[in-house]
Amino acid sequence: MTTAFTSVFVVCSDAAGIAVNLIGAVFQLIYISIFILYAERAKKIKMSGLLLAVLALFAIIVFLSTRVLNPSIRQIFVGYLSVASLISMFASPLFIIALQSVSSTHVVFCMDIVFQKLVIKTKSAEFMPFYLSLSTFLMSLSFSAYGMSKYDPFIYVPNGIGTILGLVQLALYYYISTTSTEESRQPLIDTYV
């Protein structure tokens, strides 16, 4: 969300980039608001704190980049921040699978991370949202193409990496869904009786 707002207010100059980033940021804000509204009290407090931290980080980035940096340095500064943010967003579900723990600062992809951990634990693809993985792949692919058409490495590099990571998620889905059988599935809840 910080990347979307920052690129709109600090870097973006074309109407398509501004529109896409604003619409994406609004959808993310709506999703996070709904999550906070219906979450348990402890999670509400935690997610509200994370949201405030993200908004504070956004304000600091906008202030520093508009008041301290000149336009050419500003674009590089915010561009690298956006690249790092996008790559971590695309990589976080797969990174969490490798670590077998659920901890992420990316609120929007928390459910994807939980589902992929369940996919590994239960050896079943029923907990992996296929359409979320597919839409991540397709979105990354389309933004890679858009970035290449604009000759903008700050767009095509992270989205190119996102395309590859989206393919890995789809491959994981395919592998788990074709190799798992009812007998090989592990229970979701371990019993120690």
C-alpha atoms as a PDB file:
ATOM      1  CA  MET A   1       0.000   0.000   0.000  1.00  0.00           C
ATOM      2  CA  THR A   2       2.851   2.368   0.810  1.00  0.00           C
ATOM      3  CA  THR A   3       4.367   1.666  -2.602  1.00  0.00           C
ATOM      4  CA  ALA A   4       1.122   2.480  -4.387  1.00  0.00           C
ATOM      5  CA  PHE A   5       0.502   5.747  -2.550  1.00  0.00           C
ATOM      6  CA  THR A   6       4.148   6.810  -2.690  1.00  0.00           C
ATOM      7  CA  SER A   7       4.460   6.176  -6.406  1.00  0.00           C
ATOM      8  CA  VAL A   8       1.301   8.193  -7.025  1.00  0.00           C
ATOM      9  CA  PHE A   9       2.280  11.192  -4.935  1.00  0.00           C
ATOM     10  CA  VAL A  10       6.023  11.220  -5.531  1.00  0.00           C
ATOM     11  CA  VAL A  11       7.075   9.518  -8.764  1.00  0.00           C
ATOM     12  CA  CYS A  12       4.248   8.714 -11.209  1.00  0.00           C
ATOM     13  CA  SER A  13       3.700  11.090 -14.065  1.00  0.00           C
ATOM     14  CA  ASP A  14       1.486   9.125 -16.462  1.00  0.00           C
ATOM     15  CA  ALA A  15      -2.286   8.847 -15.986  1.00  0.00           C
ATOM     16  CA  ALA A  16      -2.326   5.046 -16.303  1.00  0.00           C
ATOM     17  CA  GLY A  17       0.239   4.597 -13.535  1.00  0.00           C
ATOM     18  CA  ILE A  18      -1.577   7.007 -11.248  1.00  0.00           C
ATOM     19  CA  ALA A  19      -4.983   5.379 -11.876  1.00  0.00           C
ATOM     20  CA  VAL A  20      -3.745   1.809 -11.365  1.00  0.00           C
ATOM     21  CA  ASN A  21      -1.843   2.665  -8.193  1.00  0.00           C
ATOM     22  CA  LEU A  22      -4.711   4.651  -6.693  1.00  0.00           C
ATOM     23  CA  ILE A  23      -7.275   1.960  -7.450  1.00  0.00           C
ATOM     24  CA  GLY A  24      -4.970  -0.729  -6.031  1.00  0.00           C
ATOM     25  CA  ALA A  25      -4.310   1.303  -2.889  1.00  0.00           C
ATOM     26  CA  VAL A  26      -8.035   1.895  -2.341  1.00  0.00           C
ATOM     27  CA  PHE A  27      -8.785  -1.830  -2.755  1.00  0.00           C
ATOM     28  CA  GLN A  28      -6.003  -2.702  -0.296  1.00  0.00           C
ATOM     29  CA  LEU A  29      -7.324  -0.177   2.203  1.00  0.00           C
ATOM     30  CA  ILE A  30     -10.853  -1.609   1.869  1.00  0.00           C
ATOM     31  CA  TYR A  31      -9.556  -5.174   2.298  1.00  0.00           C
ATOM     32  CA  ILE A  32      -7.534  -4.252   5.383  1.00  0.00           C
ATOM     33  CA  SER A  33     -10.479  -2.315   6.851  1.00  0.00           C
ATOM     34  CA  ILE A  34     -12.809  -5.293   6.403  1.00  0.00           C
ATOM     35  CA  PHE A  35     -10.192  -7.591   7.951  1.00  0.00           C
ATOM     36  CA  ILE A  36      -9.787  -5.277  10.956  1.00  0.00           C
ATOM     37  CA  LEU A  37     -13.565  -4.903  11.304  1.00  0.00           C
ATOM     38  CA  TYR A  38     -14.208  -8.656  11.573  1.00  0.00           C
ATOM     39  CA  ALA A  39     -10.998  -9.825  13.280  1.00  0.00           C
ATOM     40  CA  GLU A  40     -10.662 -10.889  16.898  1.00  0.00           C
ATOM     41  CA  ARG A  41      -9.777  -8.117  19.353  1.00  0.00           C
ATOM     42  CA  ALA A  42      -6.071  -9.045  19.605  1.00  0.00           C
ATOM     43  CA  LYS A  43      -5.723  -9.158  15.821  1.00  0.00           C
ATOM     44  CA  LYS A  44      -7.636  -5.888  15.460  1.00  0.00           C
ATOM     45  CA  ILE A  45      -5.147  -4.151  17.713  1.00  0.00           C
ATOM     46  CA  LYS A  46      -2.149  -5.724  15.961  1.00  0.00           C
ATOM     47  CA  MET A  47      -3.409  -4.975  12.431  1.00  0.00           C
ATOM     48  CA  SER A  48      -4.470  -1.444  13.387  1.00  0.00           C
ATOM     49  CA  GLY A  49      -0.976  -0.847  14.737  1.00  0.00           C
ATOM     50  CA  LEU A  50       0.573  -2.222  11.547  1.00  0.00           C
ATOM     51  CA  LEU A  51      -1.724  -0.040   9.443  1.00  0.00           C
ATOM     52  CA  LEU A  52      -0.743   3.040  11.434  1.00  0.00           C
ATOM     53  CA  ALA A  53       2.935   2.108  11.057  1.00  0.00           C
ATOM     54  CA  VAL A  54       2.504   1.773   7.269  1.00  0.00           C
ATOM     55  CA  LEU A  55       0.722   5.134   7.061  1.00  0.00           C
ATOM     56  CA  ALA A  56       3.443   6.764   9.202  1.00  0.00           C
ATOM     57  CA  LEU A  57       6.130   5.247   6.959  1.00  0.00           C
ATOM     58  CA  PHE A  58       4.255   6.594   3.939  1.00  0.00           C
ATOM     59  CA  ALA A  59       4.142  10.082   5.455  1.00  0.00           C
ATOM     60  CA  ILE A  60       7.876   9.992   6.233  1.00  0.00           C
ATOM     61  CA  ILE A  61       8.748   8.836   2.705  1.00  0.00           C
ATOM     62  CA  VAL A  62       6.571  11.512   1.097  1.00  0.00           C
ATOM     63  CA  PHE A  63       7.959  14.224   3.370  1.00  0.00           C
ATOM     64  CA  LEU A  64      11.606  13.241   2.855  1.00  0.00           C
ATOM     65  CA  SER A  65      11.315  12.729  -0.868  1.00  0.00           C
ATOM     66  CA  THR A  66       9.390  15.938  -1.582  1.00  0.00           C
ATOM     67  CA  ARG A  67      11.179  18.250   0.869  1.00  0.00           C
ATOM     68  CA  VAL A  68      14.727  16.923   0.946  1.00  0.00           C
ATOM     69  CA  LEU A  69      15.472  15.205  -2.370  1.00  0.00           C
ATOM     70  CA  ASN A  70      15.624  16.742  -5.824  1.00  0.00           C
ATOM     71  CA  PRO A  71      13.348  15.166  -8.504  1.00  0.00           C
ATOM     72  CA  SER A  72      15.963  12.868 -10.099  1.00  0.00           C
ATOM     73  CA  ILE A  73      17.195  11.510  -6.748  1.00  0.00           C
ATOM     74  CA  ARG A  74      13.566  11.277  -5.550  1.00  0.00           C
ATOM     75  CA  GLN A  75      12.638   8.985  -8.431  1.00  0.00           C
ATOM     76  CA  ILE A  76      15.602   6.693  -7.746  1.00  0.00           C
ATOM     77  CA  PHE A  77      14.956   6.674  -3.971  1.00  0.00           C
ATOM     78  CA  VAL A  78      11.253   5.872  -4.249  1.00  0.00           C
ATOM     79  CA  GLY A  79      11.876   3.513  -7.173  1.00  0.00           C
ATOM     80  CA  TYR A  80      14.282   1.361  -5.158  1.00  0.00           C
ATOM     81  CA  LEU A  81      11.909   1.377  -2.174  1.00  0.00           C
ATOM     82  CA  SER A  82       9.110   0.234  -4.473  1.00  0.00           C
ATOM     83  CA  VAL A  83      11.256  -2.494  -6.013  1.00  0.00           C
ATOM     84  CA  ALA A  84      12.224  -3.829  -2.574  1.00  0.00           C
ATOM     85  CA  SER A  85       8.615  -3.693  -1.368  1.00  0.00           C
ATOM     86  CA  LEU A  86       7.210  -5.451  -4.433  1.00  0.00           C
ATOM     87  CA  ILE A  87       9.829  -8.196  -4.429  1.00  0.00           C
ATOM     88  CA  SER A  88       9.263  -8.868  -0.723  1.00  0.00           C
ATOM     89  CA  MET A  89       5.507  -8.952  -1.331  1.00  0.00           C
ATOM     90  CA  PHE A  90       5.847 -11.477  -4.157  1.00  0.00           C
ATOM     91  CA  ALA A  91       8.428 -13.588  -2.324  1.00  0.00           C
ATOM     92  CA  SER A  92       6.831 -13.633   1.131  1.00  0.00           C
ATOM     93  CA  PRO A  93       4.446 -16.566   0.535  1.00  0.00           C
ATOM     94  CA  LEU A  94       7.246 -18.789  -0.746  1.00  0.00           C
ATOM     95  CA  PHE A  95       9.713 -17.570   1.881  1.00  0.00           C
ATOM     96  CA  ILE A  96       7.248 -18.425   4.622  1.00  0.00           C
ATOM     97  CA  ILE A  97       6.825 -21.910   3.196  1.00  0.00           C
ATOM     98  CA  ALA A  98      10.577 -22.405   3.375  1.00  0.00           C
ATOM     99  CA  LEU A  99      10.721 -21.252   7.005  1.00  0.00           C
ATOM    100  CA  GLN A 100       7.505 -23.044   8.042  1.00  0.00           C
ATOM    101  CA  SER A 101       6.405 -20.084  10.166  1.00  0.00           C
ATOM    102  CA  VAL A 102       3.800 -17.418   9.656  1.00  0.00           C
ATOM    103  CA  SER A 103       5.098 -13.892  10.206  1.00  0.00           C
ATOM    104  CA  SER A 104       4.819 -11.159   7.609  1.00  0.00           C
ATOM    105  CA  THR A 105       4.487  -7.416   7.456  1.00  0.00           C
ATOM    106  CA  HIS A 106       2.417  -7.679   4.306  1.00  0.00           C
ATOM    107  CA  VAL A 107      -1.116  -7.653   5.653  1.00  0.00           C
ATOM    108  CA  VAL A 108      -2.752  -8.271   2.275  1.00  0.00           C
ATOM    109  CA  PHE A 109      -0.922 -11.545   1.639  1.00  0.00           C
ATOM    110  CA  CYS A 110      -1.234 -13.027   5.151  1.00  0.00           C
ATOM    111  CA  MET A 111      -4.070 -15.339   4.103  1.00  0.00           C
ATOM    112  CA  ASP A 112      -2.068 -16.556   1.087  1.00  0.00           C
ATOM    113  CA  ILE A 113       0.842 -17.350   3.402  1.00  0.00           C
ATOM    114  CA  VAL A 114      -1.377 -19.258   5.825  1.00  0.00           C
ATOM    115  CA  PHE A 115      -2.956 -21.217   2.987  1.00  0.00           C
ATOM    116  CA  GLN A 116       0.400 -22.175   1.470  1.00  0.00           C
ATOM    117  CA  LYS A 117       1.681 -23.322   4.863  1.00  0.00           C
ATOM    118  CA  LEU A 118      -1.449 -25.470   5.164  1.00  0.00           C
ATOM    119  CA  VAL A 119      -0.779 -26.854   1.679  1.00  0.00           C
ATOM    120  CA  ILE A 120       2.670 -28.030   2.781  1.00  0.00           C
ATOM    121  CA  LYS A 121       1.483 -29.313   6.183  1.00  0.00           C
ATOM    122  CA  THR A 122      -1.543 -31.227   4.931  1.00  0.00           C
ATOM    123  CA  LYS A 123      -0.087 -32.176   1.527  1.00  0.00           C
ATOM    124  CA  SER A 124      -3.368 -31.020  -0.001  1.00  0.00           C
ATOM    125  CA  ALA A 125      -4.131 -28.175  -2.412  1.00  0.00           C
ATOM    126  CA  GLU A 126      -7.595 -27.627  -0.955  1.00  0.00           C
ATOM    127  CA  PHE A 127      -6.234 -24.830   1.288  1.00  0.00           C
ATOM    128  CA  MET A 128      -4.334 -23.057  -1.506  1.00  0.00           C
ATOM    129  CA  PRO A 129      -6.370 -20.393  -3.306  1.00  0.00           C
ATOM    130  CA  PHE A 130      -5.559 -21.203  -6.931  1.00  0.00           C
ATOM    131  CA  TYR A 131      -7.156 -18.031  -8.271  1.00  0.00           C
ATOM    132  CA  LEU A 132      -5.077 -15.843  -5.953  1.00  0.00           C
ATOM    133  CA  SER A 133      -1.874 -17.481  -7.218  1.00  0.00           C
ATOM    134  CA  LEU A 134      -3.088 -17.220 -10.811  1.00  0.00           C
ATOM    135  CA  SER A 135      -4.056 -13.553 -10.448  1.00  0.00           C
ATOM    136  CA  THR A 136      -0.675 -12.757  -8.845  1.00  0.00           C
ATOM    137  CA  PHE A 137       1.067 -14.385 -11.802  1.00  0.00           C
ATOM    138  CA  LEU A 138      -1.108 -12.647 -14.417  1.00  0.00           C
ATOM    139  CA  MET A 139      -0.856  -9.249 -12.716  1.00  0.00           C
ATOM    140  CA  SER A 140       2.936  -9.541 -12.499  1.00  0.00           C
ATOM    141  CA  LEU A 141       3.145 -10.624 -16.119  1.00  0.00           C
ATOM    142  CA  SER A 142       1.008  -7.720 -17.335  1.00  0.00           C
ATOM    143  CA  PHE A 143       2.945  -5.157 -15.286  1.00  0.00           C
ATOM    144  CA  SER A 144       6.224  -6.622 -16.571  1.00  0.00           C
ATOM    145  CA  ALA A 145       5.020  -6.084 -20.112  1.00  0.00           C
ATOM    146  CA  TYR A 146       3.827  -2.568 -19.240  1.00  0.00           C
ATOM    147  CA  GLY A 147       7.191  -1.751 -17.622  1.00  0.00           C
ATOM    148  CA  MET A 148       9.054  -3.034 -20.670  1.00  0.00           C
ATOM    149  CA  SER A 149       6.892  -0.930 -22.982  1.00  0.00           C
ATOM    150  CA  LYS A 150       7.713   2.151 -20.862  1.00  0.00           C
ATOM    151  CA  TYR A 151      11.402   1.142 -20.512  1.00  0.00           C
ATOM    152  CA  ASP A 152      11.030   1.479 -16.740  1.00  0.00           C
ATOM    153  CA  PRO A 153      13.165  -0.977 -14.750  1.00  0.00           C
ATOM    154  CA  PHE A 154      11.411   0.065 -11.530  1.00  0.00           C
ATOM    155  CA  ILE A 155       8.276  -1.554 -12.969  1.00  0.00           C
ATOM    156  CA  TYR A 156       9.545  -4.497 -15.030  1.00  0.00           C
ATOM    157  CA  VAL A 157      12.252  -5.824 -12.678  1.00  0.00           C
ATOM    158  CA  PRO A 158      10.114  -6.487  -9.568  1.00  0.00           C
ATOM    159  CA  ASN A 159       7.159  -7.632 -11.646  1.00  0.00           C
ATOM    160  CA  GLY A 160       9.398  -9.912 -13.704  1.00  0.00           C
ATOM    161  CA  ILE A 161      10.575 -11.486 -10.461  1.00  0.00           C
ATOM    162  CA  GLY A 162       6.923 -11.612  -9.346  1.00  0.00           C
ATOM    163  CA  THR A 163       6.054 -13.444 -12.566  1.00  0.00           C
ATOM    164  CA  ILE A 164       8.679 -16.088 -11.819  1.00  0.00           C
ATOM    165  CA  LEU A 165       7.559 -16.411  -8.196  1.00  0.00           C
ATOM    166  CA  GLY A 166       3.919 -16.638  -9.343  1.00  0.00           C
ATOM    167  CA  LEU A 167       4.935 -19.493 -11.628  1.00  0.00           C
ATOM    168  CA  VAL A 168       6.583 -21.213  -8.662  1.00  0.00           C
ATOM    169  CA  GLN A 169       3.335 -20.886  -6.684  1.00  0.00           C
ATOM    170  CA  LEU A 170       1.354 -22.324  -9.591  1.00  0.00           C
ATOM    171  CA  ALA A 171       3.878 -25.158  -9.934  1.00  0.00           C
ATOM    172  CA  LEU A 172       3.512 -25.885  -6.205  1.00  0.00           C
ATOM    173  CA  TYR A 173      -0.262 -25.961  -6.617  1.00  0.00           C
ATOM    174  CA  TYR A 174       0.008 -28.316  -9.607  1.00  0.00           C
ATOM    175  CA  TYR A 175       2.525 -30.585  -7.864  1.00  0.00           C
ATOM    176  CA  ILE A 176       0.525 -30.830  -4.645  1.00  0.00           C
ATOM    177  CA  SER A 177      -2.804 -31.299  -6.424  1.00  0.00           C
ATOM    178  CA  THR A 178      -1.502 -34.064  -8.709  1.00  0.00           C
ATOM    179  CA  THR A 179       0.610 -35.972  -6.185  1.00  0.00           C
ATOM    180  CA  SER A 180      -1.631 -35.867  -3.135  1.00  0.00           C
ATOM    181  CA  THR A 181      -4.025 -38.684  -2.486  1.00  0.00           C
ATOM    182  CA  GLU A 182      -6.566 -39.045   0.266  1.00  0.00           C
ATOM    183  CA  GLU A 183      -4.302 -41.550   2.068  1.00  0.00           C
ATOM    184  CA  SER A 184      -1.167 -39.365   1.912  1.00  0.00           C
ATOM    185  CA  ARG A 185      -2.853 -36.278   3.363  1.00  0.00           C
ATOM    186  CA  GLN A 186      -1.818 -35.212   6.823  1.00  0.00           C
ATOM    187  CA  PRO A 187      -4.460 -34.052   9.307  1.00  0.00           C
ATOM    188  CA  LEU A 188      -4.764 -30.326   9.871  1.00  0.00           C
ATOM    189  CA  ILE A 189      -4.900 -30.789  13.642  1.00  0.00           C
ATOM    190  CA  ASP A 190      -2.299 -33.051  15.229  1.00  0.00           C
ATOM    191  CA  THR A 191      -3.590 -35.248  18.018  1.00  0.00           C
ATOM    192  CA  TYR A 192      -1.347 -36.675  20.706  1.00  0.00           C
ATOM    193  CA  VAL A 193      -3.615 -39.383  22.111  1.00  0.00           C
END
